Amino acid sequence: MVSKKVSLKDSLDTRQAALFVQTASKFKSNVKISVDDKNVNAKSLMCIISLGLAEGVEVTISADGVDEVVAVEEVATVLG
């Protein structure tokens, strides 16, 4: 398992959330995003929107699987 902390530059609107989910969905690894005590599937648009990600919030992106390193790095670039 690989993880990385990212501080959001901007709030995540629906279009950006969709791009985030699309990016996470490219990978075979199980990709998660965590904020405080919430840990959700990064491949689910509804889960991402439910987090209400705002500017300055620190999130942790984690992945577990065959392409976990690339998944975490690429997904993190969408947010950071």
PDB file of N, CA and C in Angstrom:
ATOM      1  N   MET A   1       0.845  -1.180   0.000  1.00  0.00           N
ATOM      2  CA  MET A   1       0.000   0.000   0.000  1.00  0.00           C
ATOM      3  C   MET A   1       0.890   1.243   0.000  1.00  0.00           C
ATOM      4  N   VAL A   2       0.485   2.223  -0.809  1.00  0.00           N
ATOM      5  CA  VAL A   2       1.197   3.488  -0.924  1.00  0.00           C
ATOM      6  C   VAL A   2       0.207   4.599  -0.605  1.00  0.00           C
ATOM      7  N   SER A   3       0.677   5.636   0.097  1.00  0.00           N
ATOM      8  CA  SER A   3      -0.208   6.765   0.376  1.00  0.00           C
ATOM      9  C   SER A   3       0.567   8.070   0.276  1.00  0.00           C
ATOM     10  N   LYS A   4      -0.195   9.153   0.091  1.00  0.00           N
ATOM     11  CA  LYS A   4       0.402  10.480  -0.044  1.00  0.00           C
ATOM     12  C   LYS A   4      -0.589  11.513   0.458  1.00  0.00           C
ATOM     13  N   LYS A   5      -0.080  12.494   1.218  1.00  0.00           N
ATOM     14  CA  LYS A   5      -0.924  13.594   1.686  1.00  0.00           C
ATOM     15  C   LYS A   5      -0.844  14.739   0.689  1.00  0.00           C
ATOM     16  N   VAL A   6      -2.020  15.354   0.433  1.00  0.00           N
ATOM     17  CA  VAL A   6      -2.108  16.457  -0.506  1.00  0.00           C
ATOM     18  C   VAL A   6      -2.992  17.536   0.101  1.00  0.00           C
ATOM     19  N   SER A   7      -2.563  18.783  -0.038  1.00  0.00           N
ATOM     20  CA  SER A   7      -3.376  19.913   0.400  1.00  0.00           C
ATOM     21  C   SER A   7      -4.042  20.508  -0.841  1.00  0.00           C
ATOM     22  N   LEU A   8      -5.358  20.627  -0.819  1.00  0.00           N
ATOM     23  CA  LEU A   8      -6.095  21.102  -1.995  1.00  0.00           C
ATOM     24  C   LEU A   8      -5.859  22.586  -2.241  1.00  0.00           C
ATOM     25  N   LYS A   9      -5.535  22.921  -3.501  1.00  0.00           N
ATOM     26  CA  LYS A   9      -5.351  24.318  -3.888  1.00  0.00           C
ATOM     27  C   LYS A   9      -6.695  25.013  -4.038  1.00  0.00           C
ATOM     28  N   ASP A  10      -7.673  24.288  -4.561  1.00  0.00           N
ATOM     29  CA  ASP A  10      -9.006  24.829  -4.819  1.00  0.00           C
ATOM     30  C   ASP A  10     -10.064  23.855  -4.329  1.00  0.00           C
ATOM     31  N   SER A  11     -11.273  24.364  -4.155  1.00  0.00           N
ATOM     32  CA  SER A  11     -12.403  23.494  -3.837  1.00  0.00           C
ATOM     33  C   SER A  11     -12.658  22.572  -5.011  1.00  0.00           C
ATOM     34  N   LEU A  12     -13.211  21.420  -4.732  1.00  0.00           N
ATOM     35  CA  LEU A  12     -13.485  20.440  -5.780  1.00  0.00           C
ATOM     36  C   LEU A  12     -14.940  20.557  -6.202  1.00  0.00           C
ATOM     37  N   ASP A  13     -15.186  21.133  -7.388  1.00  0.00           N
ATOM     38  CA  ASP A  13     -16.554  21.202  -7.894  1.00  0.00           C
ATOM     39  C   ASP A  13     -16.879  19.897  -8.615  1.00  0.00           C
ATOM     40  N   THR A  14     -18.081  19.799  -9.142  1.00  0.00           N
ATOM     41  CA  THR A  14     -18.528  18.540  -9.758  1.00  0.00           C
ATOM     42  C   THR A  14     -17.657  18.136 -10.949  1.00  0.00           C
ATOM     43  N   ARG A  15     -17.275  19.090 -11.762  1.00  0.00           N
ATOM     44  CA  ARG A  15     -16.457  18.768 -12.937  1.00  0.00           C
ATOM     45  C   ARG A  15     -15.077  18.256 -12.517  1.00  0.00           C
ATOM     46  N   GLN A  16     -14.471  18.906 -11.533  1.00  0.00           N
ATOM     47  CA  GLN A  16     -13.166  18.466 -11.040  1.00  0.00           C
ATOM     48  C   GLN A  16     -13.274  17.123 -10.335  1.00  0.00           C
ATOM     49  N   ALA A  17     -14.366  16.909  -9.624  1.00  0.00           N
ATOM     50  CA  ALA A  17     -14.592  15.617  -8.964  1.00  0.00           C
ATOM     51  C   ALA A  17     -14.708  14.507 -10.001  1.00  0.00           C
ATOM     52  N   ALA A  18     -15.387  14.792 -11.110  1.00  0.00           N
ATOM     53  CA  ALA A  18     -15.529  13.805 -12.182  1.00  0.00           C
ATOM     54  C   ALA A  18     -14.170  13.476 -12.798  1.00  0.00           C
ATOM     55  N   LEU A  19     -13.323  14.487 -12.993  1.00  0.00           N
ATOM     56  CA  LEU A  19     -11.979  14.258 -13.522  1.00  0.00           C
ATOM     57  C   LEU A  19     -11.161  13.423 -12.545  1.00  0.00           C
ATOM     58  N   PHE A  20     -11.303  13.708 -11.256  1.00  0.00           N
ATOM     59  CA  PHE A  20     -10.607  12.939 -10.222  1.00  0.00           C
ATOM     60  C   PHE A  20     -11.010  11.469 -10.289  1.00  0.00           C
ATOM     61  N   VAL A  21     -12.313  11.214 -10.345  1.00  0.00           N
ATOM     62  CA  VAL A  21     -12.833   9.838 -10.399  1.00  0.00           C
ATOM     63  C   VAL A  21     -12.381   9.142 -11.681  1.00  0.00           C
ATOM     64  N   GLN A  22     -12.424   9.870 -12.787  1.00  0.00           N
ATOM     65  CA  GLN A  22     -11.995   9.310 -14.070  1.00  0.00           C
ATOM     66  C   GLN A  22     -10.519   8.907 -14.012  1.00  0.00           C
ATOM     67  N   THR A  23      -9.712   9.740 -13.406  1.00  0.00           N
ATOM     68  CA  THR A  23      -8.285   9.437 -13.272  1.00  0.00           C
ATOM     69  C   THR A  23      -8.076   8.215 -12.381  1.00  0.00           C
ATOM     70  N   ALA A  24      -8.737   8.171 -11.239  1.00  0.00           N
ATOM     71  CA  ALA A  24      -8.600   7.035 -10.317  1.00  0.00           C
ATOM     72  C   ALA A  24      -9.080   5.739 -10.957  1.00  0.00           C
ATOM     73  N   SER A  25     -10.098   5.831 -11.805  1.00  0.00           N
ATOM     74  CA  SER A  25     -10.689   4.643 -12.418  1.00  0.00           C
ATOM     75  C   SER A  25      -9.808   4.007 -13.486  1.00  0.00           C
ATOM     76  N   LYS A  26      -8.784   4.714 -13.934  1.00  0.00           N
ATOM     77  CA  LYS A  26      -7.865   4.170 -14.941  1.00  0.00           C
ATOM     78  C   LYS A  26      -6.999   3.050 -14.387  1.00  0.00           C
ATOM     79  N   PHE A  27      -6.906   2.978 -13.079  1.00  0.00           N
ATOM     80  CA  PHE A  27      -5.959   2.056 -12.454  1.00  0.00           C
ATOM     81  C   PHE A  27      -6.644   0.806 -11.911  1.00  0.00           C
ATOM     82  N   LYS A  28      -5.891  -0.291 -11.914  1.00  0.00           N
ATOM     83  CA  LYS A  28      -6.413  -1.546 -11.384  1.00  0.00           C
ATOM     84  C   LYS A  28      -6.405  -1.556  -9.861  1.00  0.00           C
ATOM     85  N   SER A  29      -5.533  -0.761  -9.275  1.00  0.00           N
ATOM     86  CA  SER A  29      -5.416  -0.710  -7.814  1.00  0.00           C
ATOM     87  C   SER A  29      -6.688  -0.185  -7.174  1.00  0.00           C
ATOM     88  N   ASN A  30      -6.873  -0.560  -5.927  1.00  0.00           N
ATOM     89  CA  ASN A  30      -7.960  -0.036  -5.107  1.00  0.00           C
ATOM     90  C   ASN A  30      -7.493   1.331  -4.607  1.00  0.00           C
ATOM     91  N   VAL A  31      -8.140   2.413  -5.052  1.00  0.00           N
ATOM     92  CA  VAL A  31      -7.719   3.770  -4.705  1.00  0.00           C
ATOM     93  C   VAL A  31      -8.730   4.372  -3.729  1.00  0.00           C
ATOM     94  N   LYS A  32      -8.216   4.929  -2.641  1.00  0.00           N
ATOM     95  CA  LYS A  32      -9.061   5.542  -1.602  1.00  0.00           C
ATOM     96  C   LYS A  32      -8.609   6.972  -1.353  1.00  0.00           C
ATOM     97  N   ILE A  33      -9.521   7.783  -0.848  1.00  0.00           N
ATOM     98  CA  ILE A  33      -9.189   9.131  -0.408  1.00  0.00           C
ATOM     99  C   ILE A  33      -9.754   9.307   0.991  1.00  0.00           C
ATOM    100  N   SER A  34      -8.944   9.895   1.870  1.00  0.00           N
ATOM    101  CA  SER A  34      -9.336  10.060   3.274  1.00  0.00           C
ATOM    102  C   SER A  34      -9.264  11.522   3.673  1.00  0.00           C
ATOM    103  N   VAL A  35     -10.275  11.952   4.418  1.00  0.00           N
ATOM    104  CA  VAL A  35     -10.305  13.273   5.029  1.00  0.00           C
ATOM    105  C   VAL A  35     -10.776  13.064   6.461  1.00  0.00           C
ATOM    106  N   ASP A  36      -9.964  13.516   7.415  1.00  0.00           N
ATOM    107  CA  ASP A  36     -10.265  13.310   8.835  1.00  0.00           C
ATOM    108  C   ASP A  36     -10.537  11.830   9.082  1.00  0.00           C
ATOM    109  N   ASP A  37     -11.742  11.462   9.477  1.00  0.00           N
ATOM    110  CA  ASP A  37     -12.049  10.061   9.762  1.00  0.00           C
ATOM    111  C   ASP A  37     -12.840   9.395   8.644  1.00  0.00           C
ATOM    112  N   LYS A  38     -13.047  10.104   7.536  1.00  0.00           N
ATOM    113  CA  LYS A  38     -13.781   9.533   6.401  1.00  0.00           C
ATOM    114  C   LYS A  38     -12.797   8.956   5.387  1.00  0.00           C
ATOM    115  N   ASN A  39     -13.050   7.721   4.979  1.00  0.00           N
ATOM    116  CA  ASN A  39     -12.220   7.029   4.002  1.00  0.00           C
ATOM    117  C   ASN A  39     -13.151   6.463   2.934  1.00  0.00           C
ATOM    118  N   VAL A  40     -13.056   6.984   1.696  1.00  0.00           N
ATOM    119  CA  VAL A  40     -14.002   6.576   0.654  1.00  0.00           C
ATOM    120  C   VAL A  40     -13.285   6.097  -0.603  1.00  0.00           C
ATOM    121  N   ASN A  41     -14.038   5.425  -1.432  1.00  0.00           N
ATOM    122  CA  ASN A  41     -13.571   4.915  -2.713  1.00  0.00           C
ATOM    123  C   ASN A  41     -13.366   6.096  -3.664  1.00  0.00           C
ATOM    124  N   ALA A  42     -12.155   6.255  -4.179  1.00  0.00           N
ATOM    125  CA  ALA A  42     -11.839   7.359  -5.075  1.00  0.00           C
ATOM    126  C   ALA A  42     -12.418   7.158  -6.473  1.00  0.00           C
ATOM    127  N   LYS A  43     -12.980   5.989  -6.741  1.00  0.00           N
ATOM    128  CA  LYS A  43     -13.557   5.709  -8.052  1.00  0.00           C
ATOM    129  C   LYS A  43     -15.058   5.949  -8.079  1.00  0.00           C
ATOM    130  N   SER A  44     -15.606   6.490  -7.000  1.00  0.00           N
ATOM    131  CA  SER A  44     -17.043   6.750  -6.890  1.00  0.00           C
ATOM    132  C   SER A  44     -17.301   8.249  -6.819  1.00  0.00           C
ATOM    133  N   LEU A  45     -17.971   8.784  -7.827  1.00  0.00           N
ATOM    134  CA  LEU A  45     -18.264  10.214  -7.874  1.00  0.00           C
ATOM    135  C   LEU A  45     -19.099  10.640  -6.672  1.00  0.00           C
ATOM    136  N   MET A  46     -20.083   9.863  -6.305  1.00  0.00           N
ATOM    137  CA  MET A  46     -20.934  10.218  -5.166  1.00  0.00           C
ATOM    138  C   MET A  46     -20.131  10.277  -3.868  1.00  0.00           C
ATOM    139  N   CYS A  47     -19.207   9.355  -3.702  1.00  0.00           N
ATOM    140  CA  CYS A  47     -18.367   9.363  -2.497  1.00  0.00           C
ATOM    141  C   CYS A  47     -17.486  10.607  -2.456  1.00  0.00           C
ATOM    142  N   ILE A  48     -16.907  10.967  -3.583  1.00  0.00           N
ATOM    143  CA  ILE A  48     -16.029  12.140  -3.638  1.00  0.00           C
ATOM    144  C   ILE A  48     -16.822  13.410  -3.352  1.00  0.00           C
ATOM    145  N   ILE A  49     -17.987  13.540  -3.964  1.00  0.00           N
ATOM    146  CA  ILE A  49     -18.820  14.725  -3.738  1.00  0.00           C
ATOM    147  C   ILE A  49     -19.260  14.799  -2.282  1.00  0.00           C
ATOM    148  N   SER A  50     -19.535  13.648  -1.676  1.00  0.00           N
ATOM    149  CA  SER A  50     -19.994  13.630  -0.282  1.00  0.00           C
ATOM    150  C   SER A  50     -18.945  14.166   0.693  1.00  0.00           C
ATOM    151  N   LEU A  51     -17.684  14.153   0.300  1.00  0.00           N
ATOM    152  CA  LEU A  51     -16.634  14.662   1.170  1.00  0.00           C
ATOM    153  C   LEU A  51     -16.652  16.188   1.262  1.00  0.00           C
ATOM    154  N   GLY A  52     -17.216  16.854   0.245  1.00  0.00           N
ATOM    155  CA  GLY A  52     -17.269  18.316   0.251  1.00  0.00           C
ATOM    156  C   GLY A  52     -15.885  18.936   0.342  1.00  0.00           C
ATOM    157  N   LEU A  53     -14.991  18.522  -0.517  1.00  0.00           N
ATOM    158  CA  LEU A  53     -13.601  18.959  -0.454  1.00  0.00           C
ATOM    159  C   LEU A  53     -13.453  20.441  -0.784  1.00  0.00           C
ATOM    160  N   ALA A  54     -12.917  21.187   0.165  1.00  0.00           N
ATOM    161  CA  ALA A  54     -12.765  22.635   0.024  1.00  0.00           C
ATOM    162  C   ALA A  54     -11.280  23.007  -0.032  1.00  0.00           C
ATOM    163  N   GLU A  55     -11.027  24.206  -0.474  1.00  0.00           N
ATOM    164  CA  GLU A  55      -9.666  24.730  -0.573  1.00  0.00           C
ATOM    165  C   GLU A  55      -8.945  24.641   0.769  1.00  0.00           C
ATOM    166  N   GLY A  56      -7.702  24.178   0.724  1.00  0.00           N
ATOM    167  CA  GLY A  56      -6.883  24.101   1.930  1.00  0.00           C
ATOM    168  C   GLY A  56      -7.027  22.828   2.746  1.00  0.00           C
ATOM    169  N   VAL A  57      -8.002  22.001   2.416  1.00  0.00           N
ATOM    170  CA  VAL A  57      -8.208  20.747   3.140  1.00  0.00           C
ATOM    171  C   VAL A  57      -7.072  19.780   2.797  1.00  0.00           C
ATOM    172  N   GLU A  58      -6.567  19.083   3.807  1.00  0.00           N
ATOM    173  CA  GLU A  58      -5.530  18.088   3.567  1.00  0.00           C
ATOM    174  C   GLU A  58      -6.174  16.709   3.471  1.00  0.00           C
ATOM    175  N   VAL A  59      -5.888  16.014   2.380  1.00  0.00           N
ATOM    176  CA  VAL A  59      -6.434  14.677   2.150  1.00  0.00           C
ATOM    177  C   VAL A  59      -5.282  13.688   2.032  1.00  0.00           C
ATOM    178  N   THR A  60      -5.599  12.435   2.253  1.00  0.00           N
ATOM    179  CA  THR A  60      -4.627  11.367   2.044  1.00  0.00           C
ATOM    180  C   THR A  60      -5.156  10.462   0.945  1.00  0.00           C
ATOM    181  N   ILE A  61      -4.348  10.272  -0.068  1.00  0.00           N
ATOM    182  CA  ILE A  61      -4.697   9.375  -1.170  1.00  0.00           C
ATOM    183  C   ILE A  61      -3.892   8.097  -0.969  1.00  0.00           C
ATOM    184  N   SER A  62      -4.564   6.971  -1.039  1.00  0.00           N
ATOM    185  CA  SER A  62      -3.866   5.694  -0.887  1.00  0.00           C
ATOM    186  C   SER A  62      -4.324   4.728  -1.964  1.00  0.00           C
ATOM    187  N   ALA A  63      -3.429   3.816  -2.295  1.00  0.00           N
ATOM    188  CA  ALA A  63      -3.750   2.806  -3.306  1.00  0.00           C
ATOM    189  C   ALA A  63      -3.085   1.494  -2.904  1.00  0.00           C
ATOM    190  N   ASP A  64      -3.737   0.418  -3.278  1.00  0.00           N
ATOM    191  CA  ASP A  64      -3.230  -0.911  -2.992  1.00  0.00           C
ATOM    192  C   ASP A  64      -3.468  -1.773  -4.223  1.00  0.00           C
ATOM    193  N   GLY A  65      -2.393  -2.226  -4.848  1.00  0.00           N
ATOM    194  CA  GLY A  65      -2.533  -3.064  -6.031  1.00  0.00           C
ATOM    195  C   GLY A  65      -1.308  -3.001  -6.919  1.00  0.00           C
ATOM    196  N   VAL A  66      -1.444  -3.548  -8.105  1.00  0.00           N
ATOM    197  CA  VAL A  66      -0.306  -3.688  -9.010  1.00  0.00           C
ATOM    198  C   VAL A  66       0.274  -2.360  -9.495  1.00  0.00           C
ATOM    199  N   ASP A  67      -0.554  -1.337  -9.627  1.00  0.00           N
ATOM    200  CA  ASP A  67      -0.080  -0.044 -10.133  1.00  0.00           C
ATOM    201  C   ASP A  67      -0.247   1.066  -9.099  1.00  0.00           C
ATOM    202  N   GLU A  68      -0.091   0.701  -7.822  1.00  0.00           N
ATOM    203  CA  GLU A  68      -0.377   1.618  -6.719  1.00  0.00           C
ATOM    204  C   GLU A  68       0.479   2.882  -6.721  1.00  0.00           C
ATOM    205  N   VAL A  69       1.758   2.770  -7.037  1.00  0.00           N
ATOM    206  CA  VAL A  69       2.640   3.943  -6.995  1.00  0.00           C
ATOM    207  C   VAL A  69       2.228   4.963  -8.036  1.00  0.00           C
ATOM    208  N   VAL A  70       2.020   4.515  -9.250  1.00  0.00           N
ATOM    209  CA  VAL A  70       1.610   5.415 -10.334  1.00  0.00           C
ATOM    210  C   VAL A  70       0.220   5.974 -10.053  1.00  0.00           C
ATOM    211  N   ALA A  71      -0.667   5.161  -9.526  1.00  0.00           N
ATOM    212  CA  ALA A  71      -2.035   5.604  -9.225  1.00  0.00           C
ATOM    213  C   ALA A  71      -2.033   6.762  -8.228  1.00  0.00           C
ATOM    214  N   VAL A  72      -1.296   6.614  -7.138  1.00  0.00           N
ATOM    215  CA  VAL A  72      -1.263   7.661  -6.115  1.00  0.00           C
ATOM    216  C   VAL A  72      -0.682   8.944  -6.680  1.00  0.00           C
ATOM    217  N   GLU A  73       0.399   8.854  -7.419  1.00  0.00           N
ATOM    218  CA  GLU A  73       1.038  10.051  -7.971  1.00  0.00           C
ATOM    219  C   GLU A  73       0.138  10.773  -8.963  1.00  0.00           C
ATOM    220  N   GLU A  74      -0.479  10.011  -9.864  1.00  0.00           N
ATOM    221  CA  GLU A  74      -1.320  10.644 -10.885  1.00  0.00           C
ATOM    222  C   GLU A  74      -2.598  11.236 -10.299  1.00  0.00           C
ATOM    223  N   VAL A  75      -3.231  10.527  -9.375  1.00  0.00           N
ATOM    224  CA  VAL A  75      -4.435  11.020  -8.731  1.00  0.00           C
ATOM    225  C   VAL A  75      -4.120  12.271  -7.898  1.00  0.00           C
ATOM    226  N   ALA A  76      -2.958  12.275  -7.243  1.00  0.00           N
ATOM    227  CA  ALA A  76      -2.553  13.426  -6.435  1.00  0.00           C
ATOM    228  C   ALA A  76      -2.366  14.677  -7.293  1.00  0.00           C
ATOM    229  N   THR A  77      -1.893  14.514  -8.511  1.00  0.00           N
ATOM    230  CA  THR A  77      -1.682  15.679  -9.386  1.00  0.00           C
ATOM    231  C   THR A  77      -3.016  16.334  -9.754  1.00  0.00           C
ATOM    232  N   VAL A  78      -4.080  15.579  -9.807  1.00  0.00           N
ATOM    233  CA  VAL A  78      -5.392  16.148 -10.115  1.00  0.00           C
ATOM    234  C   VAL A  78      -5.827  17.094  -9.000  1.00  0.00           C
ATOM    235  N   LEU A  79      -5.485  16.768  -7.767  1.00  0.00           N
ATOM    236  CA  LEU A  79      -5.894  17.577  -6.621  1.00  0.00           C
ATOM    237  C   LEU A  79      -4.929  18.708  -6.306  1.00  0.00           C
ATOM    238  N   GLY A  80      -3.642  18.458  -6.478  1.00  0.00           N
ATOM    239  CA  GLY A  80      -2.646  19.404  -6.035  1.00  0.00           C
ATOM    240  C   GLY A  80      -2.152  20.294  -7.105  1.00  0.00           C
TER     241      GLY A  80
END
